[in-house]
């Protein structure tokens, strides 16, 4: 690139030409532009939505001032009103933007906004069931970790539980057919906790991730009840088949199934859509599994020889 001269030693004189260089790049690299189309959801708004939803799911935990039965109804009502206004807009933007629509006509925009409001209402209807399953996940943490003393500790201190909370919300929106927003939510949790759970994964009750960092759960995973994962576990795809045009086949089960009461220890890797880990099995640390495991099995690496110098 040709060096741009500095006029009168004022670096600000460079800015107009630099602006033009950047502007020209938009024509050269169009795949990472989003111009002349409906706007996508705003990530910062979704962060705020998740924070407020946590307030609703766990009232009295994150509020600086005391919360009691006398002010609970008003407080939750105010939160729901705020979330509804923001979430319905973000859902409408996701529906419109992900549909590849250019500058929605007013009638079309109103249609998306109406659907956004309906889907936001559906999420609120499912809040009681989300709270019920999260209570079971918290119970699994208490029963699965002798270092855990209380539900308060789980909610405040466990990154694995934090990731599960976001997953349960995102999974609900995924089931409702909301595009993009569920992935944004789980990636927010991923960046915060180190736990990567795709919202498409199907996860049963009493789910516990201990320590959490480095856990990966792929889109087509199926996980039963009372499953416990330790840090660094990967439930991933073994290969990525392609169609006759060389494009990745996306609507195919690529990730493993874990039946009820399975424990997977640190840094184990389980790969493949045909792989089933049978119920009541224990998968040891650092193993590599690409074939199904029968129920009531224990899988470990052969004990290595230690060398002490």
Foldseek 3Di string as FASTA:
>chain_A
DDDDDDDPVDCVVCVVVVVVVVVVVCVVDVVPDDPQFQAAADLVLLVVLLVLLVCVLDPQQPDPDGDDPVCVVVVNVVSLVVSLVSQLVNLLSQVRRVVRGGPDDPVSSVVSSVVSNVLSVVLVVCSVVLSVQLVQQLVLVVVVDVVDDDSSCCVPPFLQSVLVSLLSSLLSSVVVVRPDSSQSSNVVSCVVRLARARSQEAEEGNEEEGSHHQEHHDNQEYEEYSEYEYHNEYFEFPDFDADPVRHTDDPDQGTEYEYAQEYEYHNEYETGRAEYEAHNEYEYYNHYHDHHHYHNYYHDDDDDDDDDD
